[in-house]
Amino acid sequence: MADLTDLVDAVEQVWRIPPPGPANLLTDPRFLTLADILAARCGGEKVAFSLFNALRNLGLPCAMRSSV
């Protein structure tokens, strides 16, 4: 089985970004690290936008909009 430690660590780091998060998550070093790991594992170069949408749809705390 492949070692997923780096991937799990990167997801945890992004998930721990407190709300409201950075002004632009797509430029945050923690997010970019995760995107780089996924690009290396899955192939492809441009995963950031798809990754952002996937994380937001999964309920990423720092990407949730306030209901107020």
N, C-alpha and C. Protein backbone atom coordinates (compact mmCIF):
# COMPACT_ATOMS: atom_id res chain seq x y z
N MET A 1 0.84 -1.18 0.00
CA MET A 1 0.00 0.00 0.00
C MET A 1 0.89 1.24 0.00
N ALA A 2 0.48 2.23 -0.73
CA ALA A 2 1.26 3.46 -0.84
C ALA A 2 1.23 4.23 0.47
N ASP A 3 2.34 4.91 0.76
CA ASP A 3 2.41 5.74 1.96
C ASP A 3 1.67 7.04 1.69
N LEU A 4 0.66 7.28 2.48
CA LEU A 4 -0.17 8.47 2.29
C LEU A 4 0.07 9.51 3.37
N THR A 5 1.13 9.35 4.15
CA THR A 5 1.38 10.25 5.27
C THR A 5 1.48 11.70 4.84
N ASP A 6 2.21 11.97 3.76
CA ASP A 6 2.36 13.35 3.30
C ASP A 6 1.02 13.94 2.86
N LEU A 7 0.22 13.14 2.21
CA LEU A 7 -1.10 13.60 1.75
C LEU A 7 -2.02 13.88 2.94
N VAL A 8 -2.06 12.96 3.88
CA VAL A 8 -2.91 13.13 5.07
C VAL A 8 -2.47 14.36 5.86
N ASP A 9 -1.17 14.53 6.05
CA ASP A 9 -0.66 15.69 6.77
C ASP A 9 -1.05 16.99 6.08
N ALA A 10 -0.95 17.02 4.76
CA ALA A 10 -1.28 18.23 4.01
C ALA A 10 -2.78 18.55 4.11
N VAL A 11 -3.62 17.52 4.04
CA VAL A 11 -5.07 17.75 4.18
C VAL A 11 -5.37 18.27 5.57
N GLU A 12 -4.75 17.70 6.58
CA GLU A 12 -4.97 18.17 7.96
C GLU A 12 -4.57 19.62 8.12
N GLN A 13 -3.45 20.01 7.53
CA GLN A 13 -3.00 21.40 7.64
C GLN A 13 -4.00 22.36 7.00
N VAL A 14 -4.53 22.00 5.86
CA VAL A 14 -5.51 22.86 5.19
C VAL A 14 -6.80 22.89 5.99
N TRP A 15 -7.22 21.75 6.50
CA TRP A 15 -8.48 21.68 7.24
C TRP A 15 -8.43 22.49 8.53
N ARG A 16 -7.24 22.68 9.07
CA ARG A 16 -7.07 23.42 10.33
C ARG A 16 -6.98 24.93 10.14
N ILE A 17 -7.00 25.41 8.93
CA ILE A 17 -6.97 26.86 8.72
C ILE A 17 -8.26 27.43 9.32
N PRO A 18 -8.14 28.33 10.28
CA PRO A 18 -9.35 28.82 10.94
C PRO A 18 -10.16 29.76 10.04
N PRO A 19 -11.49 29.73 10.22
CA PRO A 19 -12.34 30.67 9.47
C PRO A 19 -12.02 32.09 9.92
N PRO A 20 -12.11 33.07 9.10
CA PRO A 20 -12.59 33.02 7.74
C PRO A 20 -11.53 32.61 6.73
N GLY A 21 -10.35 32.27 7.18
CA GLY A 21 -9.30 31.83 6.27
C GLY A 21 -8.61 32.98 5.57
N PRO A 22 -7.66 32.66 4.72
CA PRO A 22 -6.95 33.71 3.99
C PRO A 22 -7.85 34.36 2.95
N ALA A 23 -7.47 35.55 2.52
CA ALA A 23 -8.25 36.26 1.50
C ALA A 23 -8.34 35.44 0.21
N ASN A 24 -7.28 34.72 -0.10
CA ASN A 24 -7.27 33.88 -1.31
C ASN A 24 -6.64 32.54 -0.96
N LEU A 25 -7.46 31.56 -0.70
CA LEU A 25 -6.96 30.23 -0.32
C LEU A 25 -6.06 29.64 -1.40
N LEU A 26 -6.31 29.99 -2.64
CA LEU A 26 -5.53 29.43 -3.75
C LEU A 26 -4.06 29.85 -3.72
N THR A 27 -3.73 30.84 -2.90
CA THR A 27 -2.33 31.28 -2.79
C THR A 27 -1.72 30.95 -1.43
N ASP A 28 -2.48 30.30 -0.57
CA ASP A 28 -1.99 29.95 0.76
C ASP A 28 -0.96 28.81 0.64
N PRO A 29 0.18 28.93 1.31
CA PRO A 29 1.21 27.90 1.20
C PRO A 29 0.73 26.51 1.61
N ARG A 30 -0.14 26.41 2.59
CA ARG A 30 -0.65 25.09 3.01
C ARG A 30 -1.50 24.47 1.91
N PHE A 31 -2.31 25.28 1.26
CA PHE A 31 -3.13 24.79 0.15
C PHE A 31 -2.26 24.41 -1.03
N LEU A 32 -1.27 25.22 -1.34
CA LEU A 32 -0.38 24.94 -2.47
C LEU A 32 0.42 23.66 -2.25
N THR A 33 0.80 23.39 -1.01
CA THR A 33 1.49 22.14 -0.70
C THR A 33 0.60 20.95 -1.00
N LEU A 34 -0.66 21.03 -0.56
CA LEU A 34 -1.61 19.96 -0.85
C LEU A 34 -1.82 19.79 -2.35
N ALA A 35 -1.98 20.88 -3.06
CA ALA A 35 -2.18 20.81 -4.51
C ALA A 35 -0.97 20.18 -5.19
N ASP A 36 0.23 20.52 -4.74
CA ASP A 36 1.45 19.96 -5.33
C ASP A 36 1.54 18.45 -5.08
N ILE A 37 1.19 18.03 -3.88
CA ILE A 37 1.22 16.60 -3.57
C ILE A 37 0.24 15.84 -4.45
N LEU A 38 -0.96 16.38 -4.59
CA LEU A 38 -1.95 15.72 -5.44
C LEU A 38 -1.52 15.69 -6.90
N ALA A 39 -0.95 16.79 -7.38
CA ALA A 39 -0.49 16.83 -8.77
C ALA A 39 0.60 15.78 -9.00
N ALA A 40 1.49 15.63 -8.04
CA ALA A 40 2.56 14.65 -8.17
C ALA A 40 2.03 13.22 -8.12
N ARG A 41 1.04 12.98 -7.28
CA ARG A 41 0.49 11.63 -7.13
C ARG A 41 -0.44 11.24 -8.27
N CYS A 42 -1.23 12.21 -8.74
CA CYS A 42 -2.29 11.90 -9.70
C CYS A 42 -1.95 12.31 -11.13
N GLY A 43 -0.88 13.04 -11.30
CA GLY A 43 -0.56 13.56 -12.61
C GLY A 43 -1.33 14.83 -12.88
N GLY A 44 -0.88 15.57 -13.81
CA GLY A 44 -1.55 16.83 -14.11
C GLY A 44 -0.87 17.98 -13.40
N GLU A 45 -1.14 19.14 -13.89
CA GLU A 45 -0.48 20.33 -13.35
C GLU A 45 -1.44 21.28 -12.65
N LYS A 46 -2.64 21.37 -13.13
CA LYS A 46 -3.57 22.39 -12.65
C LYS A 46 -4.69 21.75 -11.83
N VAL A 47 -4.39 21.46 -10.58
CA VAL A 47 -5.39 20.84 -9.73
C VAL A 47 -5.98 21.82 -8.71
N ALA A 48 -5.40 22.99 -8.58
CA ALA A 48 -5.76 23.90 -7.49
C ALA A 48 -7.25 24.29 -7.50
N PHE A 49 -7.77 24.69 -8.64
CA PHE A 49 -9.16 25.15 -8.67
C PHE A 49 -10.13 24.01 -8.38
N SER A 50 -9.88 22.84 -8.96
CA SER A 50 -10.73 21.67 -8.69
C SER A 50 -10.61 21.25 -7.24
N LEU A 51 -9.41 21.30 -6.69
CA LEU A 51 -9.20 20.96 -5.29
C LEU A 51 -9.95 21.92 -4.39
N PHE A 52 -9.88 23.20 -4.67
CA PHE A 52 -10.60 24.19 -3.87
C PHE A 52 -12.10 23.90 -3.87
N ASN A 53 -12.65 23.65 -5.04
CA ASN A 53 -14.09 23.37 -5.13
C ASN A 53 -14.45 22.10 -4.37
N ALA A 54 -13.63 21.07 -4.48
CA ALA A 54 -13.90 19.82 -3.78
C ALA A 54 -13.86 20.03 -2.26
N LEU A 55 -12.84 20.73 -1.78
CA LEU A 55 -12.73 20.97 -0.34
C LEU A 55 -13.89 21.82 0.18
N ARG A 56 -14.26 22.83 -0.58
CA ARG A 56 -15.38 23.69 -0.17
C ARG A 56 -16.66 22.87 -0.10
N ASN A 57 -16.89 22.01 -1.09
CA ASN A 57 -18.10 21.19 -1.10
C ASN A 57 -18.10 20.14 0.01
N LEU A 58 -16.93 19.76 0.48
CA LEU A 58 -16.83 18.83 1.60
C LEU A 58 -16.95 19.53 2.96
N GLY A 59 -17.03 20.86 2.94
CA GLY A 59 -17.24 21.60 4.18
C GLY A 59 -15.99 22.17 4.81
N LEU A 60 -14.97 22.47 4.01
CA LEU A 60 -13.74 23.07 4.53
C LEU A 60 -14.10 24.28 5.39
N PRO A 61 -13.77 24.26 6.69
CA PRO A 61 -14.21 25.33 7.59
C PRO A 61 -13.82 26.75 7.14
N CYS A 62 -12.62 26.92 6.63
CA CYS A 62 -12.21 28.28 6.26
C CYS A 62 -12.82 28.74 4.95
N ALA A 63 -13.50 27.86 4.23
CA ALA A 63 -14.10 28.23 2.95
C ALA A 63 -15.60 28.42 3.04
N MET A 64 -16.16 28.22 4.23
CA MET A 64 -17.60 28.34 4.39
C MET A 64 -17.97 29.81 4.52
N ARG A 65 -18.98 30.20 3.84
CA ARG A 65 -19.46 31.57 3.88
C ARG A 65 -20.36 31.74 5.10
N SER A 66 -20.31 32.91 5.67
CA SER A 66 -21.17 33.23 6.80
C SER A 66 -22.61 33.35 6.32
N SER A 67 -23.54 32.88 7.14
CA SER A 67 -24.95 32.98 6.76
C SER A 67 -25.54 34.33 7.13
N VAL A 68 -24.73 35.18 7.73
CA VAL A 68 -25.21 36.51 8.14
C VAL A 68 -25.00 37.51 7.04
